[in-house]
Amino acid sequence: MKFKTLIASVALIALGTAVAGAADLPERAPLPPPVPVLNWTGFYIGVNLGGAFAQRNWTDSVLLTNFNNGDNNTAFLAGGQIGANYQIGNFVIGGEWDADWASTHTGNGVVIPNVGTIAITDNNRWVSTLAARFGYAFDQLLFYGKAGGGWVGNNGLSITNFATSVTLSCTTLTGFTNCNNTTTGGWLVGAGAEWAFAPHWSLKFEYDYLGLGNRTFTVPVTSPLLAGDTFTSNNRNVQMVKIGVNYLWNWGYNRY
């Protein structure tokens, strides 16, 4: 009996020592919360600035001359954009519409023997695009591509002979065909990167290529210059480089 009592006493002493030792151990630190990851889902609106490079080739049916052949005119762009994103995992899809005003840019002339220096001016005054966006997000950094369509509006056409100071245009000469056709559409591809630098704000850099359809004008037969001549603009495109700032709604962080 004494032996059993001794065993029980030793067991109680050992258990008490273990409990006391466990009480003296430091508490385990809680696990850190999941790292927040940016979610790009939501609507946005913003402004942009940049430059455009317009190319086109003009040919005619009377003089059989290339005007502004491969000409690359530059213009300043300023405007805005509105769009929406939806994020699935790291993939981001959405759509965007933008519109930009373009500064005036002039065409180059060519010297034609026995005629003089002839110049054609066809200024693009605004550019608008509507495209789907698709990209891959690395938290606050989004790389994306664009594909869709675009439109360019201009202030008509003018043909000037500097030797005689005669200018033909839609506003000075009646019977000029396609004078009201001042908007041309085409296809668009582009790519860019966007950085969410602050809550609800992002900065983007983008390049776009807009391929355009041909334009044709015919000079009236009553014209004092190049009567009945037909001018065709082909191989038209506008390349744009823009930087912009967006404000985003429904935008926040996910915790995984």
Protein backbone atom coordinates (compact mmCIF):
# COMPACT_ATOMS: atom_id res chain seq x y z
CA MET A 1 0.00 0.00 0.00
CA LYS A 2 2.81 2.34 0.86
CA PHE A 3 4.46 1.47 -2.48
CA LYS A 4 1.32 2.44 -4.44
CA THR A 5 1.05 5.67 -2.49
CA LEU A 6 4.68 6.46 -3.32
CA ILE A 7 4.10 5.83 -7.08
CA ALA A 8 1.03 8.07 -7.09
CA SER A 9 2.91 10.85 -5.31
CA VAL A 10 5.79 10.70 -7.80
CA ALA A 11 3.33 10.81 -10.73
CA LEU A 12 1.53 13.84 -9.31
CA ILE A 13 4.84 15.64 -8.74
CA ALA A 14 5.97 14.92 -12.35
CA LEU A 15 2.64 16.10 -13.78
CA GLY A 16 2.79 19.30 -11.77
CA THR A 17 6.32 19.97 -12.91
CA ALA A 18 5.33 19.48 -16.60
CA VAL A 19 2.35 21.80 -16.26
CA ALA A 20 4.44 24.45 -14.58
CA GLY A 21 7.10 24.15 -17.29
CA ALA A 22 4.49 24.52 -20.03
CA ALA A 23 3.10 27.61 -18.32
CA ASP A 24 6.55 29.18 -18.38
CA LEU A 25 6.94 28.72 -22.21
CA PRO A 26 6.38 31.88 -24.33
CA GLU A 27 3.15 32.11 -26.32
CA ARG A 28 3.39 31.29 -30.05
CA ALA A 29 3.20 34.43 -32.22
CA PRO A 30 0.07 34.64 -34.39
CA LEU A 31 0.46 33.98 -38.11
CA PRO A 32 0.82 37.14 -40.22
CA PRO A 33 -2.25 38.13 -42.27
CA PRO A 34 -2.24 37.26 -46.00
CA VAL A 35 -0.46 39.74 -48.21
CA PRO A 36 -3.03 42.03 -49.91
CA VAL A 37 -3.07 41.80 -53.72
CA LEU A 38 -4.54 44.50 -55.95
CA ASN A 39 -7.78 43.69 -57.78
CA TRP A 40 -8.18 45.61 -61.07
CA THR A 41 -11.91 44.91 -61.42
CA GLY A 42 -13.96 48.09 -61.86
CA PHE A 43 -14.62 51.16 -63.98
CA TYR A 44 -12.17 53.96 -64.71
CA ILE A 45 -11.93 57.36 -66.38
CA GLY A 46 -8.85 59.41 -67.20
CA VAL A 47 -6.94 61.86 -69.37
CA ASN A 48 -3.98 61.44 -71.72
CA LEU A 49 -1.31 63.35 -73.65
CA GLY A 50 0.93 62.20 -76.46
CA GLY A 51 1.96 62.37 -80.07
CA ALA A 52 0.70 60.97 -83.36
CA PHE A 53 2.59 60.09 -86.54
CA ALA A 54 0.38 60.07 -89.65
CA GLN A 55 1.48 58.38 -92.87
CA ARG A 56 -0.20 58.27 -96.27
CA ASN A 57 0.57 58.27 -100.00
CA TRP A 58 -1.29 60.59 -102.38
CA THR A 59 -1.48 59.77 -106.10
CA ASP A 60 -3.43 61.44 -108.90
CA SER A 61 -4.88 60.40 -112.27
CA VAL A 62 -3.66 63.33 -114.43
CA LEU A 63 -0.11 64.12 -113.33
CA LEU A 64 0.54 60.50 -112.24
CA THR A 65 2.60 61.83 -109.34
CA ASN A 66 3.18 60.61 -105.78
CA PHE A 67 2.43 63.40 -103.29
CA ASN A 68 3.61 63.05 -99.70
CA ASN A 69 4.87 59.60 -100.60
CA GLY A 70 5.59 57.89 -97.27
CA ASP A 71 5.21 61.26 -95.58
CA ASN A 72 5.33 61.06 -91.79
CA ASN A 73 3.68 64.07 -90.19
CA THR A 74 3.62 64.54 -86.44
CA ALA A 75 0.89 66.04 -84.28
CA PHE A 76 0.28 66.66 -80.59
CA LEU A 77 -2.56 64.68 -78.96
CA ALA A 78 -4.68 65.51 -75.91
CA GLY A 79 -7.86 63.81 -74.73
CA GLY A 80 -9.38 61.27 -72.40
CA GLN A 81 -10.53 57.68 -71.98
CA ILE A 82 -13.16 55.64 -70.15
CA GLY A 83 -13.32 51.90 -69.65
CA ALA A 84 -13.81 48.87 -67.41
CA ASN A 85 -11.74 45.91 -66.20
CA TYR A 86 -12.61 42.46 -64.89
CA GLN A 87 -9.91 40.37 -63.20
CA ILE A 88 -9.87 36.55 -63.15
CA GLY A 89 -6.84 35.33 -61.23
CA ASN A 90 -3.97 37.29 -62.74
CA PHE A 91 -5.74 37.80 -66.08
CA VAL A 92 -7.52 41.09 -66.75
CA ILE A 93 -10.04 41.66 -69.56
CA GLY A 94 -12.09 44.73 -70.40
CA GLY A 95 -12.83 47.46 -72.90
CA GLU A 96 -11.85 51.08 -73.47
CA TRP A 97 -13.05 54.06 -75.51
CA ASP A 98 -10.85 57.11 -76.00
CA ALA A 99 -11.01 60.37 -77.94
CA ASP A 100 -8.17 62.80 -78.67
CA TRP A 101 -7.81 66.18 -80.32
CA ALA A 102 -4.87 66.49 -82.76
CA SER A 103 -2.92 69.63 -83.55
CA THR A 104 -2.62 70.88 -87.13
CA HIS A 105 0.00 69.25 -89.34
CA THR A 106 0.69 70.15 -92.97
CA GLY A 107 1.53 68.11 -96.04
CA ASN A 108 4.61 68.39 -98.23
CA GLY A 109 4.64 69.50 -101.85
CA VAL A 110 6.32 68.17 -104.98
CA VAL A 111 7.79 70.09 -107.90
CA ILE A 112 6.14 69.23 -111.23
CA PRO A 113 7.79 70.54 -114.45
CA ASN A 114 5.72 73.16 -116.31
CA VAL A 115 3.17 73.15 -113.48
CA GLY A 116 4.90 74.36 -110.30
CA THR A 117 5.08 73.21 -106.72
CA ILE A 118 1.90 71.35 -105.80
CA ALA A 119 1.10 70.60 -102.15
CA ILE A 120 -1.75 68.56 -100.70
CA THR A 121 -2.95 69.22 -97.15
CA ASP A 122 -5.22 66.75 -95.38
CA ASN A 123 -5.09 67.41 -91.63
CA ASN A 124 -6.32 64.87 -89.09
CA ARG A 125 -7.99 66.91 -86.33
CA TRP A 126 -9.26 64.17 -84.00
CA VAL A 127 -8.77 60.46 -83.33
CA SER A 128 -11.12 58.10 -81.49
CA THR A 129 -10.76 54.37 -80.78
CA LEU A 130 -12.89 51.62 -79.26
CA ALA A 131 -11.08 48.41 -78.32
CA ALA A 132 -10.99 45.35 -76.10
CA ARG A 133 -8.18 45.14 -73.55
CA PHE A 134 -6.60 41.92 -72.31
CA GLY A 135 -3.64 41.67 -69.97
CA TYR A 136 -1.78 40.04 -67.09
CA ALA A 137 -1.44 41.68 -63.69
CA PHE A 138 1.53 41.50 -61.32
CA ASP A 139 -0.25 43.06 -58.31
CA GLN A 140 0.03 46.84 -58.96
CA LEU A 141 1.52 46.44 -62.47
CA LEU A 142 -0.63 45.51 -65.47
CA PHE A 143 0.70 44.66 -68.94
CA TYR A 144 -1.98 44.64 -71.64
CA GLY A 145 -2.76 44.50 -75.34
CA LYS A 146 -5.59 46.15 -77.30
CA ALA A 147 -7.54 45.23 -80.44
CA GLY A 148 -10.49 46.96 -82.02
CA GLY A 149 -11.31 49.85 -84.34
CA GLY A 150 -10.76 53.57 -84.68
CA TRP A 151 -11.84 56.68 -86.55
CA VAL A 152 -10.02 59.79 -87.77
CA GLY A 153 -11.72 63.10 -88.59
CA ASN A 154 -10.08 65.86 -90.63
CA ASN A 155 -10.80 69.32 -91.96
CA GLY A 156 -11.10 68.28 -95.61
CA LEU A 157 -8.64 68.58 -98.45
CA SER A 158 -6.78 71.48 -100.04
CA ILE A 159 -4.50 71.50 -103.11
CA THR A 160 -2.18 74.47 -103.59
CA ASN A 161 -0.05 75.55 -106.54
CA PHE A 162 2.58 77.82 -105.02
CA ALA A 163 3.67 79.09 -108.44
CA THR A 164 0.26 80.63 -109.17
CA SER A 165 -0.97 80.97 -105.54
CA VAL A 166 -4.11 79.03 -106.49
CA THR A 167 -5.67 76.88 -103.75
CA LEU A 168 -8.42 74.35 -104.31
CA SER A 169 -10.48 73.20 -101.34
CA CYS A 170 -13.92 72.02 -100.37
CA THR A 171 -14.77 75.47 -99.03
CA THR A 172 -13.57 77.52 -102.02
CA LEU A 173 -14.67 75.34 -104.93
CA THR A 174 -18.06 73.73 -105.51
CA GLY A 175 -18.27 70.31 -107.10
CA PHE A 176 -15.31 68.86 -105.20
CA THR A 177 -16.38 65.23 -104.64
CA ASN A 178 -16.31 63.57 -101.21
CA CYS A 179 -15.84 66.88 -99.41
CA ASN A 180 -18.31 65.79 -96.74
CA ASN A 181 -16.51 62.48 -96.24
CA THR A 182 -14.22 63.78 -93.50
CA THR A 183 -14.27 60.69 -91.23
CA THR A 184 -12.40 57.48 -92.00
CA GLY A 185 -12.41 54.26 -89.99
CA GLY A 186 -10.00 51.37 -89.65
CA TRP A 187 -8.58 48.66 -87.42
CA LEU A 188 -6.55 49.14 -84.24
CA VAL A 189 -3.90 47.16 -82.34
CA GLY A 190 -1.89 48.37 -79.38
CA ALA A 191 -0.04 47.52 -76.20
CA GLY A 192 0.78 49.22 -72.94
CA ALA A 193 1.54 49.05 -69.24
CA GLU A 194 -0.38 50.49 -66.29
CA TRP A 195 0.86 51.08 -62.75
CA ALA A 196 -1.44 51.61 -59.74
CA PHE A 197 0.72 54.10 -57.87
CA ALA A 198 -1.87 55.13 -55.23
CA PRO A 199 -5.35 54.07 -54.04
CA HIS A 200 -7.78 54.61 -56.95
CA TRP A 201 -5.08 56.12 -59.21
CA SER A 202 -2.99 54.60 -61.99
CA LEU A 203 -0.48 55.78 -64.59
CA LYS A 204 -0.33 54.21 -68.06
CA PHE A 205 1.96 54.27 -71.11
CA GLU A 206 0.59 53.04 -74.43
CA TYR A 207 1.39 52.58 -78.14
CA ASP A 208 -1.36 52.19 -80.77
CA TYR A 209 -1.37 51.52 -84.50
CA LEU A 210 -4.48 52.56 -86.45
CA GLY A 211 -4.73 51.33 -90.04
CA LEU A 212 -7.12 53.42 -92.17
CA GLY A 213 -9.00 53.03 -95.44
CA ASN A 214 -8.36 55.01 -98.63
CA ARG A 215 -9.81 58.43 -99.47
CA THR A 216 -10.59 59.72 -102.98
CA PHE A 217 -11.28 63.29 -104.21
CA THR A 218 -12.05 64.50 -107.73
CA VAL A 219 -11.39 68.10 -108.79
CA PRO A 220 -14.35 69.70 -110.65
CA VAL A 221 -13.97 70.06 -114.44
CA THR A 222 -14.55 73.81 -114.01
CA SER A 223 -11.48 74.19 -111.79
CA PRO A 224 -8.70 76.58 -112.89
CA LEU A 225 -6.16 73.99 -111.69
CA LEU A 226 -5.99 70.25 -112.35
CA ALA A 227 -9.54 70.08 -113.76
CA GLY A 228 -11.01 66.57 -113.51
CA ASP A 229 -7.99 65.19 -111.66
CA THR A 230 -8.70 62.42 -109.14
CA PHE A 231 -6.55 62.22 -105.99
CA THR A 232 -6.36 59.01 -103.95
CA SER A 233 -4.84 58.65 -100.50
CA ASN A 234 -3.70 55.09 -99.70
CA ASN A 235 -1.51 53.21 -97.23
CA ARG A 236 -2.91 55.43 -94.51
CA ASN A 237 -2.10 54.85 -90.85
CA VAL A 238 -1.74 56.74 -87.60
CA GLN A 239 0.70 55.64 -84.92
CA MET A 240 0.17 57.04 -81.43
CA VAL A 241 2.25 57.12 -78.25
CA LYS A 242 0.38 58.30 -75.16
CA ILE A 243 0.80 58.65 -71.41
CA GLY A 244 -2.29 58.88 -69.22
CA VAL A 245 -3.69 58.96 -65.70
CA ASN A 246 -6.81 57.00 -64.64
CA TYR A 247 -9.13 57.18 -61.66
CA LEU A 248 -10.59 53.76 -60.79
CA TRP A 249 -13.90 52.84 -59.08
CA ASN A 250 -14.78 49.48 -57.41
CA TRP A 251 -11.06 49.05 -56.95
CA GLY A 252 -9.35 47.50 -53.95
CA TYR A 253 -7.27 44.68 -52.54
CA ASN A 254 -7.95 40.96 -52.18
CA ARG A 255 -6.49 38.87 -49.36
CA TYR A 256 -5.72 35.31 -50.45
